[in-house]
Amino acid sequence: MNRFDALVDACHRCARPIVMTTVAMSDGMLPAAFSLIEGDSSFRQPTATVVIGGLMTATLLRLLVIPVVCTLVDDFERFVTGQFRAPSKQGPAE
């Protein structure tokens, strides 16, 4: 399997559980973020907002940014190993 197909397959397999977890956690934190819970909301509201933002950011990073970074690192590795590879000792082409 080539690199692109492997990355697409990996993201496809991970997308459903990651998105389901993000949606479930965000839905659970919405009442606290909107201060719908009785009691002292001065602590719960900012915490819920940060949790929801962190979940959204982590989801985007995992599904979009990390595969791009892996591709760039793999390209860089191939470039570096190609630069230090010894030239082949073949005779002149006839």
PDB file of N, CA and C in Angstrom:
ATOM      1  N   MET A   1       0.855  -1.176   0.000  1.00  0.00           N
ATOM      2  CA  MET A   1       0.000   0.000   0.000  1.00  0.00           C
ATOM      3  C   MET A   1       0.898   1.234   0.000  1.00  0.00           C
ATOM      4  N   ASN A   2       0.611   2.179  -0.852  1.00  0.00           N
ATOM      5  CA  ASN A   2       1.441   3.380  -0.876  1.00  0.00           C
ATOM      6  C   ASN A   2       1.089   4.299   0.299  1.00  0.00           C
ATOM      7  N   ARG A   3       1.883   5.319   0.475  1.00  0.00           N
ATOM      8  CA  ARG A   3       1.752   6.202   1.641  1.00  0.00           C
ATOM      9  C   ARG A   3       0.405   6.914   1.680  1.00  0.00           C
ATOM     10  N   PHE A   4      -0.036   7.463   0.554  1.00  0.00           N
ATOM     11  CA  PHE A   4      -1.296   8.210   0.525  1.00  0.00           C
ATOM     12  C   PHE A   4      -2.475   7.309   0.895  1.00  0.00           C
ATOM     13  N   ASP A   5      -2.517   6.118   0.304  1.00  0.00           N
ATOM     14  CA  ASP A   5      -3.612   5.192   0.612  1.00  0.00           C
ATOM     15  C   ASP A   5      -3.588   4.767   2.076  1.00  0.00           C
ATOM     16  N   ALA A   6      -2.393   4.579   2.629  1.00  0.00           N
ATOM     17  CA  ALA A   6      -2.280   4.209   4.045  1.00  0.00           C
ATOM     18  C   ALA A   6      -2.781   5.323   4.952  1.00  0.00           C
ATOM     19  N   LEU A   7      -2.445   6.577   4.630  1.00  0.00           N
ATOM     20  CA  LEU A   7      -2.922   7.703   5.439  1.00  0.00           C
ATOM     21  C   LEU A   7      -4.435   7.855   5.352  1.00  0.00           C
ATOM     22  N   VAL A   8      -4.986   7.722   4.158  1.00  0.00           N
ATOM     23  CA  VAL A   8      -6.439   7.833   3.998  1.00  0.00           C
ATOM     24  C   VAL A   8      -7.136   6.707   4.756  1.00  0.00           C
ATOM     25  N   ASP A   9      -6.613   5.493   4.670  1.00  0.00           N
ATOM     26  CA  ASP A   9      -7.200   4.359   5.373  1.00  0.00           C
ATOM     27  C   ASP A   9      -7.142   4.563   6.887  1.00  0.00           C
ATOM     28  N   ALA A  10      -6.014   5.037   7.384  1.00  0.00           N
ATOM     29  CA  ALA A  10      -5.867   5.259   8.826  1.00  0.00           C
ATOM     30  C   ALA A  10      -6.828   6.339   9.315  1.00  0.00           C
ATOM     31  N   CYS A  11      -6.942   7.428   8.568  1.00  0.00           N
ATOM     32  CA  CYS A  11      -7.869   8.505   8.969  1.00  0.00           C
ATOM     33  C   CYS A  11      -9.313   8.027   8.889  1.00  0.00           C
ATOM     34  N   HIS A  12      -9.618   7.232   7.888  1.00  0.00           N
ATOM     35  CA  HIS A  12     -10.975   6.715   7.753  1.00  0.00           C
ATOM     36  C   HIS A  12     -11.340   5.812   8.919  1.00  0.00           C
ATOM     37  N   ARG A  13     -10.409   4.987   9.345  1.00  0.00           N
ATOM     38  CA  ARG A  13     -10.674   4.083  10.475  1.00  0.00           C
ATOM     39  C   ARG A  13     -10.790   4.835  11.793  1.00  0.00           C
ATOM     40  N   CYS A  14     -10.038   5.903  11.946  1.00  0.00           N
ATOM     41  CA  CYS A  14     -10.036   6.645  13.213  1.00  0.00           C
ATOM     42  C   CYS A  14     -11.128   7.701  13.291  1.00  0.00           C
ATOM     43  N   ALA A  15     -11.644   8.132  12.169  1.00  0.00           N
ATOM     44  CA  ALA A  15     -12.554   9.274  12.149  1.00  0.00           C
ATOM     45  C   ALA A  15     -13.824   9.023  12.960  1.00  0.00           C
ATOM     46  N   ARG A  16     -14.454   7.887  12.770  1.00  0.00           N
ATOM     47  CA  ARG A  16     -15.734   7.642  13.442  1.00  0.00           C
ATOM     48  C   ARG A  16     -15.622   7.661  14.964  1.00  0.00           C
ATOM     49  N   PRO A  17     -14.714   6.889  15.577  1.00  0.00           N
ATOM     50  CA  PRO A  17     -14.642   6.945  17.044  1.00  0.00           C
ATOM     51  C   PRO A  17     -14.211   8.309  17.573  1.00  0.00           C
ATOM     52  N   ILE A  18     -13.326   8.984  16.855  1.00  0.00           N
ATOM     53  CA  ILE A  18     -12.872  10.296  17.321  1.00  0.00           C
ATOM     54  C   ILE A  18     -14.012  11.299  17.269  1.00  0.00           C
ATOM     55  N   VAL A  19     -14.740  11.330  16.169  1.00  0.00           N
ATOM     56  CA  VAL A  19     -15.852  12.280  16.027  1.00  0.00           C
ATOM     57  C   VAL A  19     -16.966  11.946  17.009  1.00  0.00           C
ATOM     58  N   MET A  20     -17.260  10.666  17.203  1.00  0.00           N
ATOM     59  CA  MET A  20     -18.312  10.284  18.159  1.00  0.00           C
ATOM     60  C   MET A  20     -17.941  10.702  19.581  1.00  0.00           C
ATOM     61  N   THR A  21     -16.693  10.523  19.958  1.00  0.00           N
ATOM     62  CA  THR A  21     -16.248  10.924  21.294  1.00  0.00           C
ATOM     63  C   THR A  21     -16.316  12.436  21.453  1.00  0.00           C
ATOM     64  N   THR A  22     -15.893  13.163  20.429  1.00  0.00           N
ATOM     65  CA  THR A  22     -15.921  14.622  20.491  1.00  0.00           C
ATOM     66  C   THR A  22     -17.346  15.145  20.611  1.00  0.00           C
ATOM     67  N   VAL A  23     -18.248  14.606  19.823  1.00  0.00           N
ATOM     68  CA  VAL A  23     -19.639  15.048  19.867  1.00  0.00           C
ATOM     69  C   VAL A  23     -20.270  14.715  21.214  1.00  0.00           C
ATOM     70  N   ALA A  24     -20.038  13.510  21.721  1.00  0.00           N
ATOM     71  CA  ALA A  24     -20.623  13.118  23.006  1.00  0.00           C
ATOM     72  C   ALA A  24     -20.107  13.988  24.153  1.00  0.00           C
ATOM     73  N   MET A  25     -18.802  14.214  24.189  1.00  0.00           N
ATOM     74  CA  MET A  25     -18.232  15.047  25.262  1.00  0.00           C
ATOM     75  C   MET A  25     -18.695  16.492  25.143  1.00  0.00           C
ATOM     76  N   SER A  26     -18.737  17.016  23.921  1.00  0.00           N
ATOM     77  CA  SER A  26     -19.168  18.406  23.720  1.00  0.00           C
ATOM     78  C   SER A  26     -20.634  18.577  24.110  1.00  0.00           C
ATOM     79  N   ASP A  27     -21.474  17.609  23.726  1.00  0.00           N
ATOM     80  CA  ASP A  27     -22.886  17.679  24.107  1.00  0.00           C
ATOM     81  C   ASP A  27     -23.056  17.611  25.618  1.00  0.00           C
ATOM     82  N   GLY A  28     -22.246  16.819  26.268  1.00  0.00           N
ATOM     83  CA  GLY A  28     -22.321  16.723  27.718  1.00  0.00           C
ATOM     84  C   GLY A  28     -21.855  17.981  28.435  1.00  0.00           C
ATOM     85  N   MET A  29     -20.968  18.723  27.798  1.00  0.00           N
ATOM     86  CA  MET A  29     -20.445  19.940  28.422  1.00  0.00           C
ATOM     87  C   MET A  29     -21.236  21.197  28.056  1.00  0.00           C
ATOM     88  N   LEU A  30     -22.132  21.110  27.083  1.00  0.00           N
ATOM     89  CA  LEU A  30     -22.891  22.295  26.665  1.00  0.00           C
ATOM     90  C   LEU A  30     -23.715  22.930  27.780  1.00  0.00           C
ATOM     91  N   PRO A  31     -24.427  22.153  28.609  1.00  0.00           N
ATOM     92  CA  PRO A  31     -25.167  22.814  29.692  1.00  0.00           C
ATOM     93  C   PRO A  31     -24.260  23.617  30.629  1.00  0.00           C
ATOM     94  N   ALA A  32     -23.090  23.092  30.902  1.00  0.00           N
ATOM     95  CA  ALA A  32     -22.163  23.830  31.769  1.00  0.00           C
ATOM     96  C   ALA A  32     -21.607  25.057  31.046  1.00  0.00           C
ATOM     97  N   ALA A  33     -21.364  24.930  29.753  1.00  0.00           N
ATOM     98  CA  ALA A  33     -20.813  26.059  28.997  1.00  0.00           C
ATOM     99  C   ALA A  33     -21.818  27.196  28.874  1.00  0.00           C
ATOM    100  N   PHE A  34     -23.088  26.850  28.792  1.00  0.00           N
ATOM    101  CA  PHE A  34     -24.129  27.883  28.694  1.00  0.00           C
ATOM    102  C   PHE A  34     -24.687  28.272  30.056  1.00  0.00           C
ATOM    103  N   SER A  35     -24.087  27.808  31.124  1.00  0.00           N
ATOM    104  CA  SER A  35     -24.483  28.102  32.507  1.00  0.00           C
ATOM    105  C   SER A  35     -25.916  27.685  32.795  1.00  0.00           C
ATOM    106  N   LEU A  36     -26.325  26.540  32.289  1.00  0.00           N
ATOM    107  CA  LEU A  36     -27.666  26.033  32.548  1.00  0.00           C
ATOM    108  C   LEU A  36     -27.711  25.175  33.804  1.00  0.00           C
ATOM    109  N   ILE A  37     -26.553  24.902  34.387  1.00  0.00           N
ATOM    110  CA  ILE A  37     -26.481  24.088  35.599  1.00  0.00           C
ATOM    111  C   ILE A  37     -26.592  25.013  36.805  1.00  0.00           C
ATOM    112  N   GLU A  38     -27.410  24.588  37.781  1.00  0.00           N
ATOM    113  CA  GLU A  38     -27.573  25.405  38.979  1.00  0.00           C
ATOM    114  C   GLU A  38     -26.296  25.399  39.803  1.00  0.00           C
ATOM    115  N   GLY A  39     -26.091  26.445  40.527  1.00  0.00           N
ATOM    116  CA  GLY A  39     -24.920  26.524  41.392  1.00  0.00           C
ATOM    117  C   GLY A  39     -23.926  27.546  40.872  1.00  0.00           C
ATOM    118  N   ASP A  40     -22.725  27.429  41.353  1.00  0.00           N
ATOM    119  CA  ASP A  40     -21.675  28.373  40.998  1.00  0.00           C
ATOM    120  C   ASP A  40     -21.160  28.084  39.588  1.00  0.00           C
ATOM    121  N   SER A  41     -21.526  28.920  38.633  1.00  0.00           N
ATOM    122  CA  SER A  41     -21.110  28.702  37.247  1.00  0.00           C
ATOM    123  C   SER A  41     -19.835  29.461  36.905  1.00  0.00           C
ATOM    124  N   SER A  42     -19.295  30.212  37.850  1.00  0.00           N
ATOM    125  CA  SER A  42     -18.081  30.987  37.554  1.00  0.00           C
ATOM    126  C   SER A  42     -16.872  30.073  37.330  1.00  0.00           C
ATOM    127  N   PHE A  43     -16.907  28.872  37.851  1.00  0.00           N
ATOM    128  CA  PHE A  43     -15.827  27.913  37.637  1.00  0.00           C
ATOM    129  C   PHE A  43     -16.169  26.946  36.518  1.00  0.00           C
ATOM    130  N   ARG A  44     -17.406  26.511  36.456  1.00  0.00           N
ATOM    131  CA  ARG A  44     -17.798  25.483  35.489  1.00  0.00           C
ATOM    132  C   ARG A  44     -17.867  26.006  34.059  1.00  0.00           C
ATOM    133  N   GLN A  45     -18.333  27.215  33.860  1.00  0.00           N
ATOM    134  CA  GLN A  45     -18.492  27.723  32.499  1.00  0.00           C
ATOM    135  C   GLN A  45     -17.164  27.840  31.750  1.00  0.00           C
ATOM    136  N   PRO A  46     -16.141  28.474  32.302  1.00  0.00           N
ATOM    137  CA  PRO A  46     -14.868  28.526  31.569  1.00  0.00           C
ATOM    138  C   PRO A  46     -14.236  27.154  31.367  1.00  0.00           C
ATOM    139  N   THR A  47     -14.387  26.278  32.354  1.00  0.00           N
ATOM    140  CA  THR A  47     -13.836  24.937  32.225  1.00  0.00           C
ATOM    141  C   THR A  47     -14.512  24.179  31.091  1.00  0.00           C
ATOM    142  N   ALA A  48     -15.820  24.258  31.016  1.00  0.00           N
ATOM    143  CA  ALA A  48     -16.553  23.577  29.950  1.00  0.00           C
ATOM    144  C   ALA A  48     -16.192  24.151  28.581  1.00  0.00           C
ATOM    145  N   THR A  49     -16.034  25.449  28.511  1.00  0.00           N
ATOM    146  CA  THR A  49     -15.662  26.083  27.246  1.00  0.00           C
ATOM    147  C   THR A  49     -14.288  25.617  26.794  1.00  0.00           C
ATOM    148  N   VAL A  50     -13.353  25.529  27.710  1.00  0.00           N
ATOM    149  CA  VAL A  50     -12.002  25.070  27.381  1.00  0.00           C
ATOM    150  C   VAL A  50     -12.009  23.599  26.972  1.00  0.00           C
ATOM    151  N   VAL A  51     -12.797  22.776  27.647  1.00  0.00           N
ATOM    152  CA  VAL A  51     -12.878  21.362  27.291  1.00  0.00           C
ATOM    153  C   VAL A  51     -13.441  21.200  25.882  1.00  0.00           C
ATOM    154  N   ILE A  52     -14.502  21.910  25.558  1.00  0.00           N
ATOM    155  CA  ILE A  52     -15.095  21.820  24.223  1.00  0.00           C
ATOM    156  C   ILE A  52     -14.108  22.301  23.165  1.00  0.00           C
ATOM    157  N   GLY A  53     -13.438  23.409  23.417  1.00  0.00           N
ATOM    158  CA  GLY A  53     -12.436  23.914  22.467  1.00  0.00           C
ATOM    159  C   GLY A  53     -11.277  22.954  22.300  1.00  0.00           C
ATOM    160  N   GLY A  54     -10.839  22.348  23.378  1.00  0.00           N
ATOM    161  CA  GLY A  54      -9.743  21.392  23.303  1.00  0.00           C
ATOM    162  C   GLY A  54     -10.124  20.144  22.530  1.00  0.00           C
ATOM    163  N   LEU A  55     -11.340  19.678  22.716  1.00  0.00           N
ATOM    164  CA  LEU A  55     -11.803  18.511  21.967  1.00  0.00           C
ATOM    165  C   LEU A  55     -11.875  18.810  20.472  1.00  0.00           C
ATOM    166  N   MET A  56     -12.400  19.969  20.132  1.00  0.00           N
ATOM    167  CA  MET A  56     -12.497  20.343  18.713  1.00  0.00           C
ATOM    168  C   MET A  56     -11.107  20.489  18.095  1.00  0.00           C
ATOM    169  N   THR A  57     -10.203  21.123  18.821  1.00  0.00           N
ATOM    170  CA  THR A  57      -8.844  21.304  18.322  1.00  0.00           C
ATOM    171  C   THR A  57      -8.127  19.969  18.158  1.00  0.00           C
ATOM    172  N   ALA A  58      -8.262  19.100  19.139  1.00  0.00           N
ATOM    173  CA  ALA A  58      -7.612  17.785  19.071  1.00  0.00           C
ATOM    174  C   ALA A  58      -8.165  16.957  17.916  1.00  0.00           C
ATOM    175  N   THR A  59      -9.462  17.070  17.657  1.00  0.00           N
ATOM    176  CA  THR A  59     -10.065  16.342  16.541  1.00  0.00           C
ATOM    177  C   THR A  59      -9.508  16.827  15.216  1.00  0.00           C
ATOM    178  N   LEU A  60      -9.449  18.138  15.044  1.00  0.00           N
ATOM    179  CA  LEU A  60      -8.892  18.682  13.797  1.00  0.00           C
ATOM    180  C   LEU A  60      -7.427  18.324  13.634  1.00  0.00           C
ATOM    181  N   LEU A  61      -6.664  18.385  14.717  1.00  0.00           N
ATOM    182  CA  LEU A  61      -5.253  18.026  14.642  1.00  0.00           C
ATOM    183  C   LEU A  61      -5.080  16.567  14.254  1.00  0.00           C
ATOM    184  N   ARG A  62      -5.839  15.682  14.870  1.00  0.00           N
ATOM    185  CA  ARG A  62      -5.683  14.244  14.622  1.00  0.00           C
ATOM    186  C   ARG A  62      -6.091  13.849  13.208  1.00  0.00           C
ATOM    187  N   LEU A  63      -7.141  14.473  12.688  1.00  0.00           N
ATOM    188  CA  LEU A  63      -7.664  14.044  11.397  1.00  0.00           C
ATOM    189  C   LEU A  63      -7.100  14.819  10.213  1.00  0.00           C
ATOM    190  N   LEU A  64      -6.582  16.022  10.438  1.00  0.00           N
ATOM    191  CA  LEU A  64      -6.106  16.840   9.321  1.00  0.00           C
ATOM    192  C   LEU A  64      -4.620  17.180   9.391  1.00  0.00           C
ATOM    193  N   VAL A  65      -4.173  17.667  10.516  1.00  0.00           N
ATOM    194  CA  VAL A  65      -2.813  18.193  10.611  1.00  0.00           C
ATOM    195  C   VAL A  65      -1.776  17.081  10.742  1.00  0.00           C
ATOM    196  N   ILE A  66      -2.021  16.110  11.577  1.00  0.00           N
ATOM    197  CA  ILE A  66      -1.035  15.056  11.815  1.00  0.00           C
ATOM    198  C   ILE A  66      -0.721  14.258  10.551  1.00  0.00           C
ATOM    199  N   PRO A  67      -1.708  13.884   9.716  1.00  0.00           N
ATOM    200  CA  PRO A  67      -1.340  13.202   8.473  1.00  0.00           C
ATOM    201  C   PRO A  67      -0.467  14.061   7.547  1.00  0.00           C
ATOM    202  N   VAL A  68      -0.717  15.363   7.502  1.00  0.00           N
ATOM    203  CA  VAL A  68       0.109  16.248   6.673  1.00  0.00           C
ATOM    204  C   VAL A  68       1.531  16.311   7.222  1.00  0.00           C
ATOM    205  N   VAL A  69       1.674  16.425   8.532  1.00  0.00           N
ATOM    206  CA  VAL A  69       3.006  16.471   9.149  1.00  0.00           C
ATOM    207  C   VAL A  69       3.740  15.150   8.916  1.00  0.00           C
ATOM    208  N   CYS A  70       3.033  14.033   9.025  1.00  0.00           N
ATOM    209  CA  CYS A  70       3.664  12.732   8.760  1.00  0.00           C
ATOM    210  C   CYS A  70       4.167  12.651   7.326  1.00  0.00           C
ATOM    211  N   THR A  71       3.402  13.173   6.389  1.00  0.00           N
ATOM    212  CA  THR A  71       3.822  13.183   4.987  1.00  0.00           C
ATOM    213  C   THR A  71       5.065  14.038   4.799  1.00  0.00           C
ATOM    214  N   LEU A  72       5.086  15.215   5.421  1.00  0.00           N
ATOM    215  CA  LEU A  72       6.255  16.094   5.304  1.00  0.00           C
ATOM    216  C   LEU A  72       7.495  15.467   5.927  1.00  0.00           C
ATOM    217  N   VAL A  73       7.343  14.843   7.081  1.00  0.00           N
ATOM    218  CA  VAL A  73       8.487  14.199   7.734  1.00  0.00           C
ATOM    219  C   VAL A  73       8.984  13.034   6.894  1.00  0.00           C
ATOM    220  N   ASP A  74       8.083  12.267   6.314  1.00  0.00           N
ATOM    221  CA  ASP A  74       8.486  11.154   5.455  1.00  0.00           C
ATOM    222  C   ASP A  74       9.215  11.659   4.210  1.00  0.00           C
ATOM    223  N   ASP A  75       8.732  12.742   3.612  1.00  0.00           N
ATOM    224  CA  ASP A  75       9.421  13.332   2.456  1.00  0.00           C
ATOM    225  C   ASP A  75      10.818  13.811   2.840  1.00  0.00           C
ATOM    226  N   PHE A  76      10.929  14.447   4.010  1.00  0.00           N
ATOM    227  CA  PHE A  76      12.228  14.935   4.467  1.00  0.00           C
ATOM    228  C   PHE A  76      13.181  13.765   4.718  1.00  0.00           C
ATOM    229  N   GLU A  77      12.664  12.701   5.315  1.00  0.00           N
ATOM    230  CA  GLU A  77      13.498  11.526   5.573  1.00  0.00           C
ATOM    231  C   GLU A  77      13.996  10.913   4.267  1.00  0.00           C
ATOM    232  N   ARG A  78      13.119  10.809   3.299  1.00  0.00           N
ATOM    233  CA  ARG A  78      13.536  10.271   2.002  1.00  0.00           C
ATOM    234  C   ARG A  78      14.571  11.175   1.322  1.00  0.00           C
ATOM    235  N   PHE A  79      14.424  12.481   1.466  1.00  0.00           N
ATOM    236  CA  PHE A  79      15.388  13.418   0.899  1.00  0.00           C
ATOM    237  C   PHE A  79      16.752  13.263   1.558  1.00  0.00           C
ATOM    238  N   VAL A  80      16.764  13.202   2.885  1.00  0.00           N
ATOM    239  CA  VAL A  80      18.029  13.097   3.619  1.00  0.00           C
ATOM    240  C   VAL A  80      18.720  11.778   3.325  1.00  0.00           C
ATOM    241  N   THR A  81      17.987  10.681   3.346  1.00  0.00           N
ATOM    242  CA  THR A  81      18.621   9.393   3.071  1.00  0.00           C
ATOM    243  C   THR A  81      19.087   9.314   1.623  1.00  0.00           C
ATOM    244  N   GLY A  82      18.417   9.996   0.721  1.00  0.00           N
ATOM    245  CA  GLY A  82      18.855  10.030  -0.673  1.00  0.00           C
ATOM    246  C   GLY A  82      20.121  10.834  -0.855  1.00  0.00           C
ATOM    247  N   GLN A  83      20.334  11.856  -0.031  1.00  0.00           N
ATOM    248  CA  GLN A  83      21.526  12.692  -0.126  1.00  0.00           C
ATOM    249  C   GLN A  83      22.769  11.957   0.364  1.00  0.00           C
ATOM    250  N   PHE A  84      22.614  11.079   1.336  1.00  0.00           N
ATOM    251  CA  PHE A  84      23.762  10.396   1.922  1.00  0.00           C
ATOM    252  C   PHE A  84      23.978   8.996   1.375  1.00  0.00           C
ATOM    253  N   ARG A  85      23.162   8.589   0.454  1.00  0.00           N
ATOM    254  CA  ARG A  85      23.309   7.264  -0.139  1.00  0.00           C
ATOM    255  C   ARG A  85      24.514   7.284  -1.079  1.00  0.00           C
ATOM    256  N   ALA A  86      25.310   6.249  -1.029  1.00  0.00           N
ATOM    257  CA  ALA A  86      26.514   6.179  -1.865  1.00  0.00           C
ATOM    258  C   ALA A  86      26.113   6.013  -3.337  1.00  0.00           C
ATOM    259  N   PRO A  87      26.808   6.650  -4.241  1.00  0.00           N
ATOM    260  CA  PRO A  87      26.479   6.479  -5.660  1.00  0.00           C
ATOM    261  C   PRO A  87      26.754   5.048  -6.084  1.00  0.00           C
ATOM    262  N   SER A  88      25.959   4.577  -7.031  1.00  0.00           N
ATOM    263  CA  SER A  88      26.143   3.198  -7.486  1.00  0.00           C
ATOM    264  C   SER A  88      27.420   3.085  -8.299  1.00  0.00           C
ATOM    265  N   LYS A  89      28.041   1.907  -8.248  1.00  0.00           N
ATOM    266  CA  LYS A  89      29.332   1.696  -8.907  1.00  0.00           C
ATOM    267  C   LYS A  89      29.144   0.971 -10.232  1.00  0.00           C
ATOM    268  N   GLN A  90      28.239   1.446 -11.024  1.00  0.00           N
ATOM    269  CA  GLN A  90      28.013   0.845 -12.333  1.00  0.00           C
ATOM    270  C   GLN A  90      28.963   1.495 -13.316  1.00  0.00           C
ATOM    271  N   GLY A  91      29.326   0.707 -14.307  1.00  0.00           N
ATOM    272  CA  GLY A  91      30.198   1.226 -15.343  1.00  0.00           C
ATOM    273  C   GLY A  91      29.441   2.168 -16.266  1.00  0.00           C
ATOM    274  N   PRO A  92      30.142   2.780 -17.207  1.00  0.00           N
ATOM    275  CA  PRO A  92      29.469   3.693 -18.139  1.00  0.00           C
ATOM    276  C   PRO A  92      28.452   2.927 -18.996  1.00  0.00           C
ATOM    277  N   ALA A  93      27.374   3.614 -19.278  1.00  0.00           N
ATOM    278  CA  ALA A  93      26.336   3.002 -20.108  1.00  0.00           C
ATOM    279  C   ALA A  93      26.832   2.841 -21.526  1.00  0.00           C
ATOM    280  N   GLU A  94      26.530   1.706 -22.095  1.00  0.00           N
ATOM    281  CA  GLU A  94      26.992   1.454 -23.464  1.00  0.00           C
ATOM    282  C   GLU A  94      25.872   1.569 -24.431  1.00  0.00           C
TER     283      GLU A  94
END
